[in-house]
Amino acid sequence: MSQEDVHDMESSGESHQMSIALTIGATIGVMGLVLFLYGLFGTADYARSDGININLWWGLLMMVVGLFMGGGSYLRSRKR
């Protein structure tokens, strides 16, 4: 096994990790978008949540986390 073969095997694992981070970030972001839209347009009983639209805020937080993960994955892959 040559040094190039070892390097190819190592770099293939790195790109696989990037695709997983991007996939997880996109999944969290899409779920956050759905929850955010449900919070905007859905009818809810706010008595249990002290008058706070929990779906709206958690959806927004999930979208931010998804963008952070996806953006970090994208920037990390561009750095290499």
PDB file of N, CA and C in Angstrom:
ATOM      1  N   MET A   1       0.858  -1.176   0.000  1.00  0.00           N
ATOM      2  CA  MET A   1       0.000   0.000   0.000  1.00  0.00           C
ATOM      3  C   MET A   1       0.899   1.232   0.000  1.00  0.00           C
ATOM      4  N   SER A   2       0.676   2.107  -0.953  1.00  0.00           N
ATOM      5  CA  SER A   2       1.511   3.296  -1.070  1.00  0.00           C
ATOM      6  C   SER A   2       0.994   4.411  -0.163  1.00  0.00           C
ATOM      7  N   GLN A   3       1.772   5.456  -0.064  1.00  0.00           N
ATOM      8  CA  GLN A   3       1.392   6.585   0.772  1.00  0.00           C
ATOM      9  C   GLN A   3       0.173   7.306   0.204  1.00  0.00           C
ATOM     10  N   GLU A   4       0.034   7.311  -1.111  1.00  0.00           N
ATOM     11  CA  GLU A   4      -1.124   7.948  -1.737  1.00  0.00           C
ATOM     12  C   GLU A   4      -2.412   7.213  -1.383  1.00  0.00           C
ATOM     13  N   ASP A   5      -2.343   5.872  -1.326  1.00  0.00           N
ATOM     14  CA  ASP A   5      -3.529   5.090  -0.968  1.00  0.00           C
ATOM     15  C   ASP A   5      -3.977   5.408   0.452  1.00  0.00           C
ATOM     16  N   VAL A   6      -3.015   5.527   1.363  1.00  0.00           N
ATOM     17  CA  VAL A   6      -3.344   5.848   2.748  1.00  0.00           C
ATOM     18  C   VAL A   6      -3.947   7.244   2.824  1.00  0.00           C
ATOM     19  N   HIS A   7      -3.384   8.189   2.090  1.00  0.00           N
ATOM     20  CA  HIS A   7      -3.908   9.561   2.094  1.00  0.00           C
ATOM     21  C   HIS A   7      -5.317   9.604   1.520  1.00  0.00           C
ATOM     22  N   ASP A   8      -5.585   8.836   0.460  1.00  0.00           N
ATOM     23  CA  ASP A   8      -6.924   8.796  -0.129  1.00  0.00           C
ATOM     24  C   ASP A   8      -7.937   8.230   0.854  1.00  0.00           C
ATOM     25  N   MET A   9      -7.543   7.210   1.611  1.00  0.00           N
ATOM     26  CA  MET A   9      -8.459   6.619   2.587  1.00  0.00           C
ATOM     27  C   MET A   9      -8.757   7.610   3.705  1.00  0.00           C
ATOM     28  N   GLU A  10      -7.767   8.361   4.143  1.00  0.00           N
ATOM     29  CA  GLU A  10      -7.988   9.336   5.206  1.00  0.00           C
ATOM     30  C   GLU A  10      -8.881  10.471   4.735  1.00  0.00           C
ATOM     31  N   SER A  11      -8.637  10.977   3.541  1.00  0.00           N
ATOM     32  CA  SER A  11      -9.438  12.099   3.061  1.00  0.00           C
ATOM     33  C   SER A  11     -10.862  11.680   2.740  1.00  0.00           C
ATOM     34  N   SER A  12     -11.083  10.421   2.375  1.00  0.00           N
ATOM     35  CA  SER A  12     -12.456   9.985   2.108  1.00  0.00           C
ATOM     36  C   SER A  12     -13.267   9.978   3.396  1.00  0.00           C
ATOM     37  N   GLY A  13     -12.655   9.675   4.521  1.00  0.00           N
ATOM     38  CA  GLY A  13     -13.357   9.730   5.798  1.00  0.00           C
ATOM     39  C   GLY A  13     -13.703  11.150   6.199  1.00  0.00           C
ATOM     40  N   GLU A  14     -12.835  12.085   5.879  1.00  0.00           N
ATOM     41  CA  GLU A  14     -13.091  13.482   6.210  1.00  0.00           C
ATOM     42  C   GLU A  14     -14.265  14.030   5.423  1.00  0.00           C
ATOM     43  N   SER A  15     -14.348  13.707   4.152  1.00  0.00           N
ATOM     44  CA  SER A  15     -15.466  14.203   3.360  1.00  0.00           C
ATOM     45  C   SER A  15     -16.767  13.555   3.815  1.00  0.00           C
ATOM     46  N   HIS A  16     -16.686  12.330   4.292  1.00  0.00           N
ATOM     47  CA  HIS A  16     -17.878  11.657   4.803  1.00  0.00           C
ATOM     48  C   HIS A  16     -18.386  12.368   6.055  1.00  0.00           C
ATOM     49  N   GLN A  17     -17.493  12.796   6.923  1.00  0.00           N
ATOM     50  CA  GLN A  17     -17.908  13.528   8.112  1.00  0.00           C
ATOM     51  C   GLN A  17     -18.556  14.848   7.737  1.00  0.00           C
ATOM     52  N   MET A  18     -18.064  15.498   6.723  1.00  0.00           N
ATOM     53  CA  MET A  18     -18.644  16.764   6.293  1.00  0.00           C
ATOM     54  C   MET A  18     -20.056  16.559   5.779  1.00  0.00           C
ATOM     55  N   SER A  19     -20.275  15.507   5.007  1.00  0.00           N
ATOM     56  CA  SER A  19     -21.607  15.284   4.470  1.00  0.00           C
ATOM     57  C   SER A  19     -22.589  14.945   5.585  1.00  0.00           C
ATOM     58  N   ILE A  20     -22.132  14.276   6.630  1.00  0.00           N
ATOM     59  CA  ILE A  20     -23.012  13.966   7.756  1.00  0.00           C
ATOM     60  C   ILE A  20     -23.387  15.246   8.498  1.00  0.00           C
ATOM     61  N   ALA A  21     -22.432  16.116   8.740  1.00  0.00           N
ATOM     62  CA  ALA A  21     -22.726  17.375   9.432  1.00  0.00           C
ATOM     63  C   ALA A  21     -23.674  18.237   8.611  1.00  0.00           C
ATOM     64  N   LEU A  22     -23.473  18.256   7.319  1.00  0.00           N
ATOM     65  CA  LEU A  22     -24.348  19.035   6.445  1.00  0.00           C
ATOM     66  C   LEU A  22     -25.759  18.445   6.427  1.00  0.00           C
ATOM     67  N   THR A  23     -25.854  17.126   6.390  1.00  0.00           N
ATOM     68  CA  THR A  23     -27.158  16.457   6.386  1.00  0.00           C
ATOM     69  C   THR A  23     -27.900  16.688   7.693  1.00  0.00           C
ATOM     70  N   ILE A  24     -27.213  16.571   8.808  1.00  0.00           N
ATOM     71  CA  ILE A  24     -27.854  16.789  10.108  1.00  0.00           C
ATOM     72  C   ILE A  24     -28.273  18.255  10.247  1.00  0.00           C
ATOM     73  N   GLY A  25     -27.418  19.173   9.833  1.00  0.00           N
ATOM     74  CA  GLY A  25     -27.762  20.591   9.886  1.00  0.00           C
ATOM     75  C   GLY A  25     -28.970  20.921   9.029  1.00  0.00           C
ATOM     76  N   ALA A  26     -29.032  20.334   7.838  1.00  0.00           N
ATOM     77  CA  ALA A  26     -30.179  20.572   6.957  1.00  0.00           C
ATOM     78  C   ALA A  26     -31.456  19.986   7.550  1.00  0.00           C
ATOM     79  N   THR A  27     -31.356  18.813   8.153  1.00  0.00           N
ATOM     80  CA  THR A  27     -32.529  18.182   8.764  1.00  0.00           C
ATOM     81  C   THR A  27     -33.055  19.018   9.923  1.00  0.00           C
ATOM     82  N   ILE A  28     -32.164  19.468  10.785  1.00  0.00           N
ATOM     83  CA  ILE A  28     -32.579  20.308  11.911  1.00  0.00           C
ATOM     84  C   ILE A  28     -33.165  21.620  11.403  1.00  0.00           C
ATOM     85  N   GLY A  29     -32.556  22.190  10.372  1.00  0.00           N
ATOM     86  CA  GLY A  29     -33.059  23.438   9.809  1.00  0.00           C
ATOM     87  C   GLY A  29     -34.450  23.300   9.208  1.00  0.00           C
ATOM     88  N   VAL A  30     -34.693  22.218   8.482  1.00  0.00           N
ATOM     89  CA  VAL A  30     -36.015  22.001   7.879  1.00  0.00           C
ATOM     90  C   VAL A  30     -37.064  21.747   8.957  1.00  0.00           C
ATOM     91  N   MET A  31     -36.710  20.954   9.963  1.00  0.00           N
ATOM     92  CA  MET A  31     -37.651  20.722  11.066  1.00  0.00           C
ATOM     93  C   MET A  31     -37.943  22.025  11.801  1.00  0.00           C
ATOM     94  N   GLY A  32     -36.931  22.860  11.976  1.00  0.00           N
ATOM     95  CA  GLY A  32     -37.129  24.161  12.601  1.00  0.00           C
ATOM     96  C   GLY A  32     -38.022  25.064  11.779  1.00  0.00           C
ATOM     97  N   LEU A  33     -37.861  25.017  10.455  1.00  0.00           N
ATOM     98  CA  LEU A  33     -38.710  25.819   9.576  1.00  0.00           C
ATOM     99  C   LEU A  33     -40.171  25.389   9.682  1.00  0.00           C
ATOM    100  N   VAL A  34     -40.406  24.087   9.703  1.00  0.00           N
ATOM    101  CA  VAL A  34     -41.777  23.580   9.841  1.00  0.00           C
ATOM    102  C   VAL A  34     -42.366  24.015  11.179  1.00  0.00           C
ATOM    103  N   LEU A  35     -41.590  23.889  12.249  1.00  0.00           N
ATOM    104  CA  LEU A  35     -42.064  24.280  13.574  1.00  0.00           C
ATOM    105  C   LEU A  35     -42.302  25.789  13.648  1.00  0.00           C
ATOM    106  N   PHE A  36     -41.428  26.566  13.042  1.00  0.00           N
ATOM    107  CA  PHE A  36     -41.576  28.021  13.003  1.00  0.00           C
ATOM    108  C   PHE A  36     -42.857  28.419  12.268  1.00  0.00           C
ATOM    109  N   LEU A  37     -43.098  27.810  11.115  1.00  0.00           N
ATOM    110  CA  LEU A  37     -44.311  28.118  10.353  1.00  0.00           C
ATOM    111  C   LEU A  37     -45.564  27.687  11.107  1.00  0.00           C
ATOM    112  N   TYR A  38     -45.486  26.548  11.797  1.00  0.00           N
ATOM    113  CA  TYR A  38     -46.617  26.110  12.611  1.00  0.00           C
ATOM    114  C   TYR A  38     -46.877  27.106  13.742  1.00  0.00           C
ATOM    115  N   GLY A  39     -45.813  27.642  14.318  1.00  0.00           N
ATOM    116  CA  GLY A  39     -45.973  28.650  15.359  1.00  0.00           C
ATOM    117  C   GLY A  39     -46.576  29.939  14.835  1.00  0.00           C
ATOM    118  N   LEU A  40     -46.255  30.297  13.589  1.00  0.00           N
ATOM    119  CA  LEU A  40     -46.812  31.516  12.997  1.00  0.00           C
ATOM    120  C   LEU A  40     -48.284  31.361  12.625  1.00  0.00           C
ATOM    121  N   PHE A  41     -48.617  30.251  11.984  1.00  0.00           N
ATOM    122  CA  PHE A  41     -49.946  30.108  11.402  1.00  0.00           C
ATOM    123  C   PHE A  41     -50.867  29.159  12.156  1.00  0.00           C
ATOM    124  N   GLY A  42     -50.350  28.388  13.085  1.00  0.00           N
ATOM    125  CA  GLY A  42     -51.172  27.426  13.808  1.00  0.00           C
ATOM    126  C   GLY A  42     -51.906  28.063  14.972  1.00  0.00           C
ATOM    127  N   THR A  43     -52.986  27.420  15.355  1.00  0.00           N
ATOM    128  CA  THR A  43     -53.699  27.866  16.553  1.00  0.00           C
ATOM    129  C   THR A  43     -53.135  27.088  17.733  1.00  0.00           C
ATOM    130  N   ALA A  44     -52.903  27.774  18.806  1.00  0.00           N
ATOM    131  CA  ALA A  44     -52.281  27.120  19.953  1.00  0.00           C
ATOM    132  C   ALA A  44     -52.905  27.617  21.243  1.00  0.00           C
ATOM    133  N   ASP A  45     -52.766  26.809  22.266  1.00  0.00           N
ATOM    134  CA  ASP A  45     -53.216  27.164  23.600  1.00  0.00           C
ATOM    135  C   ASP A  45     -51.990  27.621  24.384  1.00  0.00           C
ATOM    136  N   TYR A  46     -51.881  28.929  24.598  1.00  0.00           N
ATOM    137  CA  TYR A  46     -50.702  29.477  25.255  1.00  0.00           C
ATOM    138  C   TYR A  46     -50.808  29.491  26.775  1.00  0.00           C
ATOM    139  N   ALA A  47     -51.898  28.999  27.331  1.00  0.00           N
ATOM    140  CA  ALA A  47     -52.055  28.991  28.783  1.00  0.00           C
ATOM    141  C   ALA A  47     -51.026  28.071  29.437  1.00  0.00           C
ATOM    142  N   ARG A  48     -50.675  26.999  28.764  1.00  0.00           N
ATOM    143  CA  ARG A  48     -49.720  26.050  29.339  1.00  0.00           C
ATOM    144  C   ARG A  48     -48.283  26.553  29.245  1.00  0.00           C
ATOM    145  N   SER A  49     -48.018  27.505  28.358  1.00  0.00           N
ATOM    146  CA  SER A  49     -46.652  27.986  28.155  1.00  0.00           C
ATOM    147  C   SER A  49     -46.463  29.426  28.619  1.00  0.00           C
ATOM    148  N   ASP A  50     -47.318  29.874  29.519  1.00  0.00           N
ATOM    149  CA  ASP A  50     -47.201  31.221  30.091  1.00  0.00           C
ATOM    150  C   ASP A  50     -47.344  32.315  29.039  1.00  0.00           C
ATOM    151  N   GLY A  51     -48.132  32.072  28.013  1.00  0.00           N
ATOM    152  CA  GLY A  51     -48.371  33.079  26.990  1.00  0.00           C
ATOM    153  C   GLY A  51     -47.285  33.206  25.944  1.00  0.00           C
ATOM    154  N   ILE A  52     -46.340  32.281  25.932  1.00  0.00           N
ATOM    155  CA  ILE A  52     -45.231  32.325  24.975  1.00  0.00           C
ATOM    156  C   ILE A  52     -45.502  31.322  23.859  1.00  0.00           C
ATOM    157  N   ASN A  53     -45.267  31.734  22.628  1.00  0.00           N
ATOM    158  CA  ASN A  53     -45.428  30.835  21.491  1.00  0.00           C
ATOM    159  C   ASN A  53     -44.180  29.952  21.386  1.00  0.00           C
ATOM    160  N   ILE A  54     -44.216  28.813  22.061  1.00  0.00           N
ATOM    161  CA  ILE A  54     -43.058  27.926  22.145  1.00  0.00           C
ATOM    162  C   ILE A  54     -42.657  27.400  20.767  1.00  0.00           C
ATOM    163  N   ASN A  55     -43.641  27.049  19.944  1.00  0.00           N
ATOM    164  CA  ASN A  55     -43.325  26.511  18.615  1.00  0.00           C
ATOM    165  C   ASN A  55     -42.551  27.522  17.775  1.00  0.00           C
ATOM    166  N   LEU A  56     -42.931  28.770  17.867  1.00  0.00           N
ATOM    167  CA  LEU A  56     -42.261  29.821  17.104  1.00  0.00           C
ATOM    168  C   LEU A  56     -40.805  29.975  17.543  1.00  0.00           C
ATOM    169  N   TRP A  57     -40.572  30.062  18.841  1.00  0.00           N
ATOM    170  CA  TRP A  57     -39.223  30.295  19.346  1.00  0.00           C
ATOM    171  C   TRP A  57     -38.322  29.083  19.186  1.00  0.00           C
ATOM    172  N   TRP A  58     -38.846  27.875  19.431  1.00  0.00           N
ATOM    173  CA  TRP A  58     -38.024  26.679  19.243  1.00  0.00           C
ATOM    174  C   TRP A  58     -37.731  26.452  17.769  1.00  0.00           C
ATOM    175  N   GLY A  59     -38.698  26.765  16.904  1.00  0.00           N
ATOM    176  CA  GLY A  59     -38.447  26.662  15.470  1.00  0.00           C
ATOM    177  C   GLY A  59     -37.357  27.609  15.023  1.00  0.00           C
ATOM    178  N   LEU A  60     -37.388  28.834  15.536  1.00  0.00           N
ATOM    179  CA  LEU A  60     -36.348  29.810  15.212  1.00  0.00           C
ATOM    180  C   LEU A  60     -34.982  29.336  15.708  1.00  0.00           C
ATOM    181  N   LEU A  61     -34.933  28.818  16.926  1.00  0.00           N
ATOM    182  CA  LEU A  61     -33.675  28.311  17.477  1.00  0.00           C
ATOM    183  C   LEU A  61     -33.146  27.138  16.654  1.00  0.00           C
ATOM    184  N   MET A  62     -34.030  26.233  16.251  1.00  0.00           N
ATOM    185  CA  MET A  62     -33.599  25.086  15.448  1.00  0.00           C
ATOM    186  C   MET A  62     -33.079  25.529  14.078  1.00  0.00           C
ATOM    187  N   MET A  63     -33.695  26.543  13.492  1.00  0.00           N
ATOM    188  CA  MET A  63     -33.196  27.045  12.206  1.00  0.00           C
ATOM    189  C   MET A  63     -31.808  27.664  12.364  1.00  0.00           C
ATOM    190  N   VAL A  64     -31.588  28.381  13.456  1.00  0.00           N
ATOM    191  CA  VAL A  64     -30.273  28.985  13.701  1.00  0.00           C
ATOM    192  C   VAL A  64     -29.220  27.897  13.893  1.00  0.00           C
ATOM    193  N   VAL A  65     -29.554  26.859  14.659  1.00  0.00           N
ATOM    194  CA  VAL A  65     -28.615  25.750  14.873  1.00  0.00           C
ATOM    195  C   VAL A  65     -28.331  25.036  13.551  1.00  0.00           C
ATOM    196  N   GLY A  66     -29.368  24.810  12.752  1.00  0.00           N
ATOM    197  CA  GLY A  66     -29.180  24.172  11.452  1.00  0.00           C
ATOM    198  C   GLY A  66     -28.298  24.994  10.528  1.00  0.00           C
ATOM    199  N   LEU A  67     -28.506  26.311  10.514  1.00  0.00           N
ATOM    200  CA  LEU A  67     -27.659  27.188   9.699  1.00  0.00           C
ATOM    201  C   LEU A  67     -26.220  27.207  10.210  1.00  0.00           C
ATOM    202  N   PHE A  68     -26.057  27.181  11.524  1.00  0.00           N
ATOM    203  CA  PHE A  68     -24.724  27.162  12.124  1.00  0.00           C
ATOM    204  C   PHE A  68     -23.980  25.885  11.736  1.00  0.00           C
ATOM    205  N   MET A  69     -24.665  24.736  11.843  1.00  0.00           N
ATOM    206  CA  MET A  69     -24.027  23.463  11.484  1.00  0.00           C
ATOM    207  C   MET A  69     -23.725  23.398   9.991  1.00  0.00           C
ATOM    208  N   GLY A  70     -24.685  23.787   9.174  1.00  0.00           N
ATOM    209  CA  GLY A  70     -24.471  23.749   7.733  1.00  0.00           C
ATOM    210  C   GLY A  70     -23.403  24.727   7.286  1.00  0.00           C
ATOM    211  N   GLY A  71     -23.429  25.928   7.843  1.00  0.00           N
ATOM    212  CA  GLY A  71     -22.416  26.925   7.504  1.00  0.00           C
ATOM    213  C   GLY A  71     -21.032  26.512   7.963  1.00  0.00           C
ATOM    214  N   GLY A  72     -20.950  25.941   9.149  1.00  0.00           N
ATOM    215  CA  GLY A  72     -19.665  25.461   9.644  1.00  0.00           C
ATOM    216  C   GLY A  72     -19.110  24.338   8.796  1.00  0.00           C
ATOM    217  N   SER A  73     -19.978  23.446   8.374  1.00  0.00           N
ATOM    218  CA  SER A  73     -19.559  22.352   7.504  1.00  0.00           C
ATOM    219  C   SER A  73     -19.080  22.881   6.159  1.00  0.00           C
ATOM    220  N   TYR A  74     -19.802  23.844   5.620  1.00  0.00           N
ATOM    221  CA  TYR A  74     -19.422  24.429   4.330  1.00  0.00           C
ATOM    222  C   TYR A  74     -18.081  25.157   4.434  1.00  0.00           C
ATOM    223  N   LEU A  75     -17.914  25.965   5.469  1.00  0.00           N
ATOM    224  CA  LEU A  75     -16.663  26.713   5.621  1.00  0.00           C
ATOM    225  C   LEU A  75     -15.482  25.789   5.880  1.00  0.00           C
ATOM    226  N   ARG A  76     -15.714  24.738   6.639  1.00  0.00           N
ATOM    227  CA  ARG A  76     -14.637  23.806   6.933  1.00  0.00           C
ATOM    228  C   ARG A  76     -14.202  23.059   5.673  1.00  0.00           C
ATOM    229  N   SER A  77     -15.166  22.706   4.826  1.00  0.00           N
ATOM    230  CA  SER A  77     -14.807  22.006   3.592  1.00  0.00           C
ATOM    231  C   SER A  77     -14.091  22.943   2.612  1.00  0.00           C
ATOM    232  N   ARG A  78     -14.404  24.225   2.624  1.00  0.00           N
ATOM    233  CA  ARG A  78     -13.743  25.183   1.727  1.00  0.00           C
ATOM    234  C   ARG A  78     -12.328  25.489   2.197  1.00  0.00           C
ATOM    235  N   LYS A  79     -12.086  25.344   3.496  1.00  0.00           N
ATOM    236  CA  LYS A  79     -10.771  25.646   4.056  1.00  0.00           C
ATOM    237  C   LYS A  79      -9.729  24.638   3.580  1.00  0.00           C
ATOM    238  N   ARG A  80     -10.154  23.417   3.328  1.00  0.00           N
ATOM    239  CA  ARG A  80      -9.208  22.352   2.957  1.00  0.00           C
ATOM    240  C   ARG A  80      -8.945  22.343   1.523  1.00  0.00           C
TER     241      ARG A  80
END
